[in-house]
Amino acid sequence: MNRQVNQDLEHLKILSILFYVLSGLTLFPVLFGLFYMIMGVFFGVAMFSADIPHRPGDPPPALFGGIFVIVGGGILAVFLTLGILILKAGRNLSKQRSYTFCFVIACVICLWMPLGTILGVFTIITLTRDSVKAIFNGQNYQQFGNTPPNWQ
């Protein structure tokens, strides 16, 4: 097997592992979103059941808990979606599938500084090589050597 193909497969394997790590780091803030939502429910129930006087026209005191639930739900939705997309991209990199999806996610994670930027740039550099494109396309170019043993 050609040295370039071996090197590309090794780079894709390392990148997929780093994508899994970044996915875990991205999924960590989901816990904060969940905590905010639980706190909002407790505040909402406490304010609703408490006999707090308020003037007519003022918002109900339970709205304070609702704001926490909405903010927590937003945090949860954004980071859960991003974490799952990064995890899926790491899986696709390890299986050498969905070139465009991996490239788009690499561009998106460049916005998450500094770890995402570093990983995204290295992923873009790796994915733009012709030999890596050939691996993702499943094409057997003679200039890149023989077909790897785990070719799908």
C-alpha atoms as a PDB file:
ATOM      1  CA  MET A   1       0.000   0.000   0.000  1.00  0.00           C
ATOM      2  CA  ASN A   2       1.211   3.478  -0.798  1.00  0.00           C
ATOM      3  CA  ARG A   3       2.756   5.552   1.979  1.00  0.00           C
ATOM      4  CA  GLN A   4       0.439   8.491   1.202  1.00  0.00           C
ATOM      5  CA  VAL A   5      -2.708   6.372   1.609  1.00  0.00           C
ATOM      6  CA  ASN A   6      -1.412   5.013   4.921  1.00  0.00           C
ATOM      7  CA  GLN A   7      -0.666   8.519   6.121  1.00  0.00           C
ATOM      8  CA  ASP A   8      -4.096   9.791   5.061  1.00  0.00           C
ATOM      9  CA  LEU A   9      -5.880   6.936   6.816  1.00  0.00           C
ATOM     10  CA  GLU A  10      -3.846   7.605   9.962  1.00  0.00           C
ATOM     11  CA  HIS A  11      -4.700  11.312   9.816  1.00  0.00           C
ATOM     12  CA  LEU A  12      -8.407  10.534   9.387  1.00  0.00           C
ATOM     13  CA  LYS A  13      -8.263   8.167  12.369  1.00  0.00           C
ATOM     14  CA  ILE A  14      -6.607  10.803  14.567  1.00  0.00           C
ATOM     15  CA  LEU A  15      -9.076  13.468  13.424  1.00  0.00           C
ATOM     16  CA  SER A  16     -12.040  11.200  14.195  1.00  0.00           C
ATOM     17  CA  ILE A  17     -10.736  10.614  17.739  1.00  0.00           C
ATOM     18  CA  LEU A  18     -10.305  14.357  18.229  1.00  0.00           C
ATOM     19  CA  PHE A  19     -13.834  14.925  16.907  1.00  0.00           C
ATOM     20  CA  TYR A  20     -15.130  12.488  19.546  1.00  0.00           C
ATOM     21  CA  VAL A  21     -13.270  14.413  22.263  1.00  0.00           C
ATOM     22  CA  LEU A  22     -14.594  17.758  20.985  1.00  0.00           C
ATOM     23  CA  SER A  23     -18.090  16.292  20.890  1.00  0.00           C
ATOM     24  CA  GLY A  24     -17.796  15.355  24.556  1.00  0.00           C
ATOM     25  CA  LEU A  25     -16.597  18.848  25.407  1.00  0.00           C
ATOM     26  CA  THR A  26     -19.488  20.309  23.421  1.00  0.00           C
ATOM     27  CA  LEU A  27     -22.035  18.102  25.160  1.00  0.00           C
ATOM     28  CA  PHE A  28     -20.844  19.191  28.637  1.00  0.00           C
ATOM     29  CA  PRO A  29     -22.806  22.520  28.598  1.00  0.00           C
ATOM     30  CA  VAL A  30     -25.980  20.464  28.053  1.00  0.00           C
ATOM     31  CA  LEU A  31     -25.788  19.754  31.787  1.00  0.00           C
ATOM     32  CA  PHE A  32     -25.921  23.492  32.511  1.00  0.00           C
ATOM     33  CA  GLY A  33     -28.966  23.873  30.255  1.00  0.00           C
ATOM     34  CA  LEU A  34     -30.643  20.995  32.053  1.00  0.00           C
ATOM     35  CA  PHE A  35     -29.752  22.555  35.412  1.00  0.00           C
ATOM     36  CA  TYR A  36     -31.275  25.878  34.321  1.00  0.00           C
ATOM     37  CA  MET A  37     -34.455  24.143  33.212  1.00  0.00           C
ATOM     38  CA  ILE A  38     -34.815  22.286  36.533  1.00  0.00           C
ATOM     39  CA  MET A  39     -34.101  25.489  38.439  1.00  0.00           C
ATOM     40  CA  GLY A  40     -36.726  27.300  36.369  1.00  0.00           C
ATOM     41  CA  VAL A  41     -39.332  24.656  37.135  1.00  0.00           C
ATOM     42  CA  PHE A  42     -38.588  24.925  40.853  1.00  0.00           C
ATOM     43  CA  PHE A  43     -38.743  28.741  40.741  1.00  0.00           C
ATOM     44  CA  GLY A  44     -41.943  28.653  38.725  1.00  0.00           C
ATOM     45  CA  VAL A  45     -43.644  26.224  41.099  1.00  0.00           C
ATOM     46  CA  ALA A  46     -42.393  28.122  44.160  1.00  0.00           C
ATOM     47  CA  MET A  47     -43.522  31.490  42.824  1.00  0.00           C
ATOM     48  CA  PHE A  48     -46.844  30.097  41.635  1.00  0.00           C
ATOM     49  CA  SER A  49     -47.662  28.460  44.955  1.00  0.00           C
ATOM     50  CA  ALA A  50     -46.409  31.397  47.064  1.00  0.00           C
ATOM     51  CA  ASP A  51     -48.892  34.080  47.936  1.00  0.00           C
ATOM     52  CA  ILE A  52     -46.917  37.047  46.634  1.00  0.00           C
ATOM     53  CA  PRO A  53     -48.849  40.262  46.201  1.00  0.00           C
ATOM     54  CA  HIS A  54     -48.393  42.009  42.901  1.00  0.00           C
ATOM     55  CA  ARG A  55     -49.972  45.006  41.276  1.00  0.00           C
ATOM     56  CA  PRO A  56     -52.463  44.634  38.450  1.00  0.00           C
ATOM     57  CA  GLY A  57     -50.762  44.739  35.060  1.00  0.00           C
ATOM     58  CA  ASP A  58     -47.478  43.294  36.366  1.00  0.00           C
ATOM     59  CA  PRO A  59     -46.390  39.940  34.972  1.00  0.00           C
ATOM     60  CA  PRO A  60     -47.055  36.959  37.183  1.00  0.00           C
ATOM     61  CA  PRO A  61     -44.157  35.990  39.489  1.00  0.00           C
ATOM     62  CA  ALA A  62     -44.054  32.494  37.963  1.00  0.00           C
ATOM     63  CA  LEU A  63     -42.793  34.076  34.728  1.00  0.00           C
ATOM     64  CA  PHE A  64     -39.374  34.317  36.383  1.00  0.00           C
ATOM     65  CA  GLY A  65     -39.139  30.517  36.357  1.00  0.00           C
ATOM     66  CA  GLY A  66     -40.377  30.379  32.786  1.00  0.00           C
ATOM     67  CA  ILE A  67     -37.498  32.577  31.649  1.00  0.00           C
ATOM     68  CA  PHE A  68     -35.052  30.125  33.234  1.00  0.00           C
ATOM     69  CA  VAL A  69     -36.753  27.228  31.454  1.00  0.00           C
ATOM     70  CA  ILE A  70     -36.566  29.010  28.092  1.00  0.00           C
ATOM     71  CA  VAL A  71     -32.887  29.979  28.500  1.00  0.00           C
ATOM     72  CA  GLY A  72     -32.004  26.467  29.685  1.00  0.00           C
ATOM     73  CA  GLY A  73     -33.917  24.917  26.811  1.00  0.00           C
ATOM     74  CA  GLY A  74     -32.062  27.116  24.329  1.00  0.00           C
ATOM     75  CA  ILE A  75     -28.674  26.187  25.780  1.00  0.00           C
ATOM     76  CA  LEU A  76     -29.655  22.531  25.789  1.00  0.00           C
ATOM     77  CA  ALA A  77     -30.908  22.586  22.187  1.00  0.00           C
ATOM     78  CA  VAL A  78     -27.903  24.418  20.719  1.00  0.00           C
ATOM     79  CA  PHE A  79     -25.183  22.403  22.425  1.00  0.00           C
ATOM     80  CA  LEU A  80     -26.958  19.066  22.063  1.00  0.00           C
ATOM     81  CA  THR A  81     -27.420  19.632  18.328  1.00  0.00           C
ATOM     82  CA  LEU A  82     -23.841  20.787  17.834  1.00  0.00           C
ATOM     83  CA  GLY A  83     -22.442  17.918  19.923  1.00  0.00           C
ATOM     84  CA  ILE A  84     -24.402  15.304  17.994  1.00  0.00           C
ATOM     85  CA  LEU A  85     -23.339  16.803  14.645  1.00  0.00           C
ATOM     86  CA  ILE A  86     -19.675  16.776  15.692  1.00  0.00           C
ATOM     87  CA  LEU A  87     -20.041  13.175  16.906  1.00  0.00           C
ATOM     88  CA  LYS A  88     -21.619  12.179  13.584  1.00  0.00           C
ATOM     89  CA  ALA A  89     -18.815  13.919  11.661  1.00  0.00           C
ATOM     90  CA  GLY A  90     -16.219  12.044  13.704  1.00  0.00           C
ATOM     91  CA  ARG A  91     -17.963   8.779  12.903  1.00  0.00           C
ATOM     92  CA  ASN A  92     -18.068   9.667   9.211  1.00  0.00           C
ATOM     93  CA  LEU A  93     -14.365  10.528   9.248  1.00  0.00           C
ATOM     94  CA  SER A  94     -13.530   7.150  10.742  1.00  0.00           C
ATOM     95  CA  LYS A  95     -15.666   5.370   8.119  1.00  0.00           C
ATOM     96  CA  GLN A  96     -14.529   7.651   5.243  1.00  0.00           C
ATOM     97  CA  ARG A  97     -18.103   8.622   4.337  1.00  0.00           C
ATOM     98  CA  SER A  98     -20.005  11.870   3.693  1.00  0.00           C
ATOM     99  CA  TYR A  99     -17.151  14.082   2.573  1.00  0.00           C
ATOM    100  CA  THR A 100     -19.307  17.202   2.228  1.00  0.00           C
ATOM    101  CA  PHE A 101     -20.880  16.768   5.679  1.00  0.00           C
ATOM    102  CA  CYS A 102     -17.447  16.374   7.298  1.00  0.00           C
ATOM    103  CA  PHE A 103     -16.151  19.432   5.439  1.00  0.00           C
ATOM    104  CA  VAL A 104     -19.128  21.587   6.474  1.00  0.00           C
ATOM    105  CA  ILE A 105     -18.859  20.540  10.126  1.00  0.00           C
ATOM    106  CA  ALA A 106     -15.111  21.265  10.016  1.00  0.00           C
ATOM    107  CA  CYS A 107     -15.959  24.783   8.812  1.00  0.00           C
ATOM    108  CA  VAL A 108     -18.636  25.229  11.496  1.00  0.00           C
ATOM    109  CA  ILE A 109     -16.403  24.138  14.382  1.00  0.00           C
ATOM    110  CA  CYS A 110     -13.841  26.731  13.309  1.00  0.00           C
ATOM    111  CA  LEU A 111     -16.168  29.227  15.037  1.00  0.00           C
ATOM    112  CA  TRP A 112     -15.597  27.542  18.415  1.00  0.00           C
ATOM    113  CA  MET A 113     -12.287  29.004  19.574  1.00  0.00           C
ATOM    114  CA  PRO A 114      -9.601  27.842  20.267  1.00  0.00           C
ATOM    115  CA  LEU A 115     -10.029  24.041  20.163  1.00  0.00           C
ATOM    116  CA  GLY A 116     -12.610  23.976  17.401  1.00  0.00           C
ATOM    117  CA  THR A 117     -10.603  26.386  15.279  1.00  0.00           C
ATOM    118  CA  ILE A 118      -7.463  24.267  15.497  1.00  0.00           C
ATOM    119  CA  LEU A 119      -9.303  21.016  14.808  1.00  0.00           C
ATOM    120  CA  GLY A 120     -11.376  22.574  12.029  1.00  0.00           C
ATOM    121  CA  VAL A 121      -8.358  23.989  10.215  1.00  0.00           C
ATOM    122  CA  PHE A 122      -6.459  20.689  10.396  1.00  0.00           C
ATOM    123  CA  THR A 123      -9.534  18.836   9.186  1.00  0.00           C
ATOM    124  CA  ILE A 124      -9.997  21.217   6.251  1.00  0.00           C
ATOM    125  CA  ILE A 125      -6.322  20.849   5.318  1.00  0.00           C
ATOM    126  CA  THR A 126      -6.594  17.063   5.439  1.00  0.00           C
ATOM    127  CA  LEU A 127      -9.888  16.893   3.547  1.00  0.00           C
ATOM    128  CA  THR A 128      -8.668  19.082   0.686  1.00  0.00           C
ATOM    129  CA  ARG A 129      -5.945  16.600  -0.321  1.00  0.00           C
ATOM    130  CA  ASP A 130      -6.673  14.764  -3.566  1.00  0.00           C
ATOM    131  CA  SER A 131      -5.718  11.426  -2.027  1.00  0.00           C
ATOM    132  CA  VAL A 132      -8.238  11.915   0.818  1.00  0.00           C
ATOM    133  CA  LYS A 133     -10.936  12.863  -1.687  1.00  0.00           C
ATOM    134  CA  ALA A 134     -10.130   9.627  -3.532  1.00  0.00           C
ATOM    135  CA  ILE A 135     -10.475   7.646  -0.297  1.00  0.00           C
ATOM    136  CA  PHE A 136     -13.883   9.220   0.389  1.00  0.00           C
ATOM    137  CA  ASN A 137     -15.031   8.636  -3.199  1.00  0.00           C
ATOM    138  CA  GLY A 138     -13.971   5.000  -3.072  1.00  0.00           C
ATOM    139  CA  GLN A 139     -11.901   5.423  -6.217  1.00  0.00           C
ATOM    140  CA  ASN A 140      -8.754   3.422  -6.759  1.00  0.00           C
ATOM    141  CA  TYR A 141      -6.231   5.764  -8.326  1.00  0.00           C
ATOM    142  CA  GLN A 142      -2.947   4.139  -9.256  1.00  0.00           C
ATOM    143  CA  GLN A 143      -1.075   7.291  -8.324  1.00  0.00           C
ATOM    144  CA  PHE A 144      -2.179   6.863  -4.711  1.00  0.00           C
ATOM    145  CA  GLY A 145      -1.290   3.179  -4.447  1.00  0.00           C
ATOM    146  CA  ASN A 146      -3.339   0.063  -3.834  1.00  0.00           C
ATOM    147  CA  THR A 147      -6.723  -0.108  -2.220  1.00  0.00           C
ATOM    148  CA  PRO A 148      -6.531  -0.056   1.613  1.00  0.00           C
ATOM    149  CA  PRO A 149      -7.578  -3.336   3.267  1.00  0.00           C
ATOM    150  CA  ASN A 150     -10.591  -1.774   5.041  1.00  0.00           C
ATOM    151  CA  TRP A 151     -11.966  -0.161   1.872  1.00  0.00           C
ATOM    152  CA  GLN A 152     -15.746  -0.127   1.792  1.00  0.00           C
END
